[in-house]
Structures are given as C-alpha cells and as structure tokens.
Amino acid sequence: MSHKIELVPDFDHCIETVAKKKYAELTQILLYCKADNDEIAEKLETLRLFLGTADFRKLRSESEKQLIEGESVRFSVWIKGRALKYEMNII
C-alpha cells in the first residue's frame, strides 16, 4: 500500500528543502520508535527516491511561479507499483 506524502513549499523553503526536512523528521521518528513501522519506512524510501531523482530546478521554477502569483502549492509524492510518482497541485 502506498502512502502519499504531502510537501508544501513556500518563499522560505523550496520543494527540495521541504523534502529534506521531512526525510530528516521521519528518520528521527523511525530511529526512536520501538515498534516496527512499515508506513514510516515506506515514506522514507519514497522521499529517498524523490530526493535522488527529481529535477528540483524545474520543480522550484514551477512552484515559485505559482507562489509569486499568490497561489499556494502542494506536492504529492508516492510510489505506484515500482515507480515514483509526484504531482504539483495549486491550492
């Protein structure tokens, strides 16, 4: 089962920074969680793939354009089958 990760960049934090912060946060949770947590491990793997393969220059450009126009932006990142998927939504 794939869990979507929601990432919300703003003027202070680009999509890459937001993804790295979320990765660090989930890593800390997993390290200090005594029970097995497959959902967190899956989200970490999803973010690892996203951080390693996404074209952040393009994603920053697209999201910053929307932010400048006064829109809010949210990225959804997930794995479908064996493929990494992500989309930018204007909210």
N, C-alpha and C. Protein backbone atom coordinates (compact mmCIF):
# COMPACT_ATOMS: atom_id res chain seq x y z
N MET A 1 0.85 -1.19 0.00
CA MET A 1 0.00 0.00 0.00
C MET A 1 0.88 1.24 0.00
N SER A 2 0.60 2.14 -0.88
CA SER A 2 1.41 3.35 -1.00
C SER A 2 0.78 4.50 -0.23
N HIS A 3 1.62 5.19 0.50
CA HIS A 3 1.16 6.33 1.29
C HIS A 3 1.67 7.60 0.63
N LYS A 4 0.76 8.52 0.34
CA LYS A 4 1.15 9.79 -0.24
C LYS A 4 1.78 10.67 0.82
N ILE A 5 2.79 11.39 0.40
CA ILE A 5 3.45 12.36 1.26
C ILE A 5 3.13 13.73 0.71
N GLU A 6 2.65 14.61 1.55
CA GLU A 6 2.33 15.97 1.14
C GLU A 6 3.46 16.91 1.54
N LEU A 7 3.96 17.67 0.59
CA LEU A 7 5.04 18.62 0.83
C LEU A 7 4.59 19.99 0.37
N VAL A 8 4.74 20.99 1.24
CA VAL A 8 4.24 22.33 0.93
C VAL A 8 5.40 23.33 0.98
N PRO A 9 5.92 23.69 -0.19
CA PRO A 9 6.98 24.71 -0.22
C PRO A 9 6.39 26.11 -0.04
N ASP A 10 7.25 27.04 0.33
CA ASP A 10 6.84 28.44 0.45
C ASP A 10 8.02 29.30 0.06
N PHE A 11 7.92 30.61 0.28
CA PHE A 11 9.00 31.51 -0.12
C PHE A 11 10.29 31.26 0.67
N ASP A 12 10.17 30.72 1.87
CA ASP A 12 11.35 30.47 2.71
C ASP A 12 11.97 29.09 2.49
N HIS A 13 11.19 28.15 1.99
CA HIS A 13 11.65 26.77 1.84
C HIS A 13 11.19 26.20 0.50
N CYS A 14 12.14 25.91 -0.38
CA CYS A 14 11.82 25.33 -1.68
C CYS A 14 11.42 23.87 -1.51
N ILE A 15 10.93 23.25 -2.56
CA ILE A 15 10.47 21.88 -2.50
C ILE A 15 11.58 20.92 -2.07
N GLU A 16 12.80 21.15 -2.52
CA GLU A 16 13.90 20.27 -2.12
C GLU A 16 14.17 20.37 -0.62
N THR A 17 14.17 21.57 -0.09
CA THR A 17 14.40 21.77 1.35
C THR A 17 13.28 21.14 2.16
N VAL A 18 12.06 21.32 1.72
CA VAL A 18 10.90 20.74 2.42
C VAL A 18 11.00 19.21 2.42
N ALA A 19 11.40 18.63 1.30
CA ALA A 19 11.54 17.17 1.22
C ALA A 19 12.67 16.68 2.14
N LYS A 20 13.78 17.40 2.17
CA LYS A 20 14.90 17.01 3.05
C LYS A 20 14.50 17.12 4.51
N LYS A 21 13.76 18.15 4.88
CA LYS A 21 13.32 18.30 6.27
C LYS A 21 12.36 17.17 6.65
N LYS A 22 11.46 16.82 5.75
CA LYS A 22 10.51 15.74 6.03
C LYS A 22 11.26 14.41 6.16
N TYR A 23 12.27 14.20 5.32
CA TYR A 23 13.08 12.98 5.40
C TYR A 23 13.78 12.90 6.76
N ALA A 24 14.38 14.00 7.19
CA ALA A 24 15.07 14.03 8.49
C ALA A 24 14.08 13.78 9.64
N GLU A 25 12.90 14.38 9.55
CA GLU A 25 11.87 14.20 10.59
C GLU A 25 11.45 12.73 10.68
N LEU A 26 11.18 12.11 9.53
CA LEU A 26 10.76 10.71 9.53
C LEU A 26 11.88 9.79 9.99
N THR A 27 13.12 10.12 9.66
CA THR A 27 14.26 9.33 10.11
C THR A 27 14.33 9.33 11.63
N GLN A 28 14.17 10.49 12.23
CA GLN A 28 14.20 10.59 13.69
C GLN A 28 13.06 9.78 14.32
N ILE A 29 11.89 9.87 13.76
CA ILE A 29 10.75 9.11 14.28
C ILE A 29 11.04 7.62 14.21
N LEU A 30 11.55 7.17 13.07
CA LEU A 30 11.84 5.75 12.90
C LEU A 30 12.94 5.27 13.85
N LEU A 31 13.95 6.10 14.05
CA LEU A 31 15.05 5.73 14.94
C LEU A 31 14.61 5.58 16.39
N TYR A 32 13.67 6.41 16.81
CA TYR A 32 13.25 6.40 18.21
C TYR A 32 11.97 5.63 18.46
N CYS A 33 11.39 5.07 17.42
CA CYS A 33 10.16 4.28 17.55
C CYS A 33 10.54 2.85 17.90
N LYS A 34 9.99 2.34 18.96
CA LYS A 34 10.34 0.99 19.41
C LYS A 34 9.63 -0.10 18.60
N ALA A 35 8.47 0.21 18.07
CA ALA A 35 7.72 -0.77 17.29
C ALA A 35 8.11 -0.68 15.82
N ASP A 36 7.88 -1.76 15.08
CA ASP A 36 8.09 -1.72 13.64
C ASP A 36 7.09 -0.75 13.04
N ASN A 37 7.57 0.05 12.13
CA ASN A 37 6.65 0.99 11.49
C ASN A 37 6.89 0.99 9.99
N ASP A 38 6.19 0.12 9.32
CA ASP A 38 6.35 -0.04 7.88
C ASP A 38 5.94 1.21 7.10
N GLU A 39 4.93 1.93 7.61
CA GLU A 39 4.48 3.14 6.91
C GLU A 39 5.58 4.19 6.87
N ILE A 40 6.25 4.40 7.98
CA ILE A 40 7.33 5.39 8.02
C ILE A 40 8.49 4.94 7.14
N ALA A 41 8.82 3.67 7.19
CA ALA A 41 9.90 3.15 6.34
C ALA A 41 9.57 3.33 4.86
N GLU A 42 8.32 3.09 4.50
CA GLU A 42 7.89 3.28 3.11
C GLU A 42 7.99 4.75 2.70
N LYS A 43 7.57 5.64 3.59
CA LYS A 43 7.65 7.07 3.28
C LYS A 43 9.11 7.52 3.14
N LEU A 44 9.99 6.98 3.99
CA LEU A 44 11.41 7.31 3.87
C LEU A 44 11.96 6.87 2.53
N GLU A 45 11.61 5.69 2.09
CA GLU A 45 12.08 5.19 0.80
C GLU A 45 11.53 6.06 -0.34
N THR A 46 10.28 6.45 -0.24
CA THR A 46 9.68 7.32 -1.24
C THR A 46 10.43 8.65 -1.32
N LEU A 47 10.70 9.24 -0.17
CA LEU A 47 11.43 10.51 -0.16
C LEU A 47 12.86 10.35 -0.64
N ARG A 48 13.50 9.23 -0.30
CA ARG A 48 14.86 8.98 -0.78
C ARG A 48 14.89 8.95 -2.30
N LEU A 49 13.93 8.26 -2.89
CA LEU A 49 13.85 8.20 -4.35
C LEU A 49 13.56 9.58 -4.94
N PHE A 50 12.64 10.31 -4.33
CA PHE A 50 12.29 11.65 -4.80
C PHE A 50 13.51 12.56 -4.74
N LEU A 51 14.22 12.56 -3.63
CA LEU A 51 15.40 13.41 -3.48
C LEU A 51 16.51 13.01 -4.45
N GLY A 52 16.58 11.76 -4.81
CA GLY A 52 17.63 11.30 -5.69
C GLY A 52 17.35 11.43 -7.17
N THR A 53 16.07 11.62 -7.54
CA THR A 53 15.75 11.60 -8.96
C THR A 53 15.01 12.82 -9.49
N ALA A 54 14.38 13.59 -8.64
CA ALA A 54 13.56 14.71 -9.11
C ALA A 54 14.42 15.83 -9.69
N ASP A 55 13.88 16.53 -10.67
CA ASP A 55 14.53 17.70 -11.26
C ASP A 55 14.10 18.91 -10.43
N PHE A 56 14.85 19.18 -9.36
CA PHE A 56 14.44 20.23 -8.43
C PHE A 56 14.52 21.62 -9.04
N ARG A 57 15.40 21.84 -9.97
CA ARG A 57 15.45 23.15 -10.64
C ARG A 57 14.12 23.43 -11.33
N LYS A 58 13.61 22.44 -12.04
CA LYS A 58 12.32 22.58 -12.73
C LYS A 58 11.17 22.72 -11.73
N LEU A 59 11.17 21.87 -10.70
CA LEU A 59 10.09 21.93 -9.70
C LEU A 59 10.09 23.27 -8.95
N ARG A 60 11.28 23.77 -8.62
CA ARG A 60 11.37 25.08 -7.95
C ARG A 60 10.82 26.16 -8.85
N SER A 61 11.21 26.14 -10.11
CA SER A 61 10.76 27.15 -11.06
C SER A 61 9.23 27.15 -11.17
N GLU A 62 8.66 25.97 -11.33
CA GLU A 62 7.20 25.86 -11.45
C GLU A 62 6.49 26.31 -10.18
N SER A 63 6.98 25.87 -9.03
CA SER A 63 6.29 26.20 -7.79
C SER A 63 6.48 27.67 -7.42
N GLU A 64 7.67 28.22 -7.64
CA GLU A 64 7.91 29.63 -7.31
C GLU A 64 7.06 30.54 -8.17
N LYS A 65 6.83 30.17 -9.43
CA LYS A 65 5.96 30.96 -10.30
C LYS A 65 4.56 31.06 -9.68
N GLN A 66 4.05 29.95 -9.20
CA GLN A 66 2.72 29.94 -8.58
C GLN A 66 2.71 30.74 -7.28
N LEU A 67 3.76 30.61 -6.48
CA LEU A 67 3.84 31.36 -5.22
C LEU A 67 3.86 32.87 -5.49
N ILE A 68 4.60 33.27 -6.50
CA ILE A 68 4.68 34.70 -6.85
C ILE A 68 3.31 35.22 -7.28
N GLU A 69 2.53 34.36 -7.93
CA GLU A 69 1.18 34.74 -8.36
C GLU A 69 0.16 34.69 -7.22
N GLY A 70 0.63 34.37 -6.00
CA GLY A 70 -0.25 34.38 -4.84
C GLY A 70 -0.94 33.05 -4.57
N GLU A 71 -0.57 32.02 -5.28
CA GLU A 71 -1.17 30.70 -5.09
C GLU A 71 -0.38 29.92 -4.05
N SER A 72 -1.02 28.95 -3.43
CA SER A 72 -0.34 28.01 -2.56
C SER A 72 -0.08 26.75 -3.36
N VAL A 73 1.02 26.10 -3.07
CA VAL A 73 1.43 24.92 -3.81
C VAL A 73 1.61 23.75 -2.86
N ARG A 74 1.19 22.58 -3.32
CA ARG A 74 1.38 21.35 -2.55
C ARG A 74 1.82 20.26 -3.51
N PHE A 75 2.89 19.57 -3.14
CA PHE A 75 3.35 18.42 -3.91
C PHE A 75 2.89 17.16 -3.22
N SER A 76 2.42 16.21 -4.00
CA SER A 76 2.11 14.88 -3.51
C SER A 76 3.15 13.94 -4.11
N VAL A 77 3.73 13.09 -3.26
CA VAL A 77 4.76 12.15 -3.69
C VAL A 77 4.35 10.77 -3.20
N TRP A 78 4.43 9.76 -4.09
CA TRP A 78 4.07 8.41 -3.71
C TRP A 78 4.72 7.42 -4.66
N ILE A 79 4.64 6.15 -4.30
CA ILE A 79 5.11 5.09 -5.18
C ILE A 79 3.90 4.30 -5.65
N LYS A 80 3.84 4.09 -6.97
CA LYS A 80 2.76 3.29 -7.56
C LYS A 80 3.42 2.14 -8.28
N GLY A 81 3.13 0.93 -7.81
CA GLY A 81 3.84 -0.23 -8.34
C GLY A 81 5.28 -0.13 -7.89
N ARG A 82 6.18 0.02 -8.84
CA ARG A 82 7.59 0.21 -8.52
C ARG A 82 8.08 1.58 -8.96
N ALA A 83 7.16 2.44 -9.39
CA ALA A 83 7.54 3.74 -9.94
C ALA A 83 7.23 4.88 -8.97
N LEU A 84 8.15 5.80 -8.89
CA LEU A 84 7.94 7.00 -8.10
C LEU A 84 7.02 7.93 -8.88
N LYS A 85 6.03 8.48 -8.21
CA LYS A 85 5.08 9.42 -8.82
C LYS A 85 5.05 10.67 -7.97
N TYR A 86 4.88 11.81 -8.62
CA TYR A 86 4.66 13.04 -7.88
C TYR A 86 3.91 14.02 -8.75
N GLU A 87 3.18 14.90 -8.09
CA GLU A 87 2.44 15.92 -8.81
C GLU A 87 2.38 17.19 -7.99
N MET A 88 2.30 18.30 -8.68
CA MET A 88 2.16 19.59 -8.02
C MET A 88 0.71 20.03 -8.15
N ASN A 89 0.13 20.41 -7.04
CA ASN A 89 -1.25 20.90 -7.03
C ASN A 89 -1.25 22.34 -6.54
N ILE A 90 -2.05 23.15 -7.17
CA ILE A 90 -2.22 24.52 -6.73
C ILE A 90 -3.45 24.56 -5.86
N ILE A 91 -3.27 25.05 -4.64
CA ILE A 91 -4.38 25.04 -3.67
C ILE A 91 -4.75 26.45 -3.26
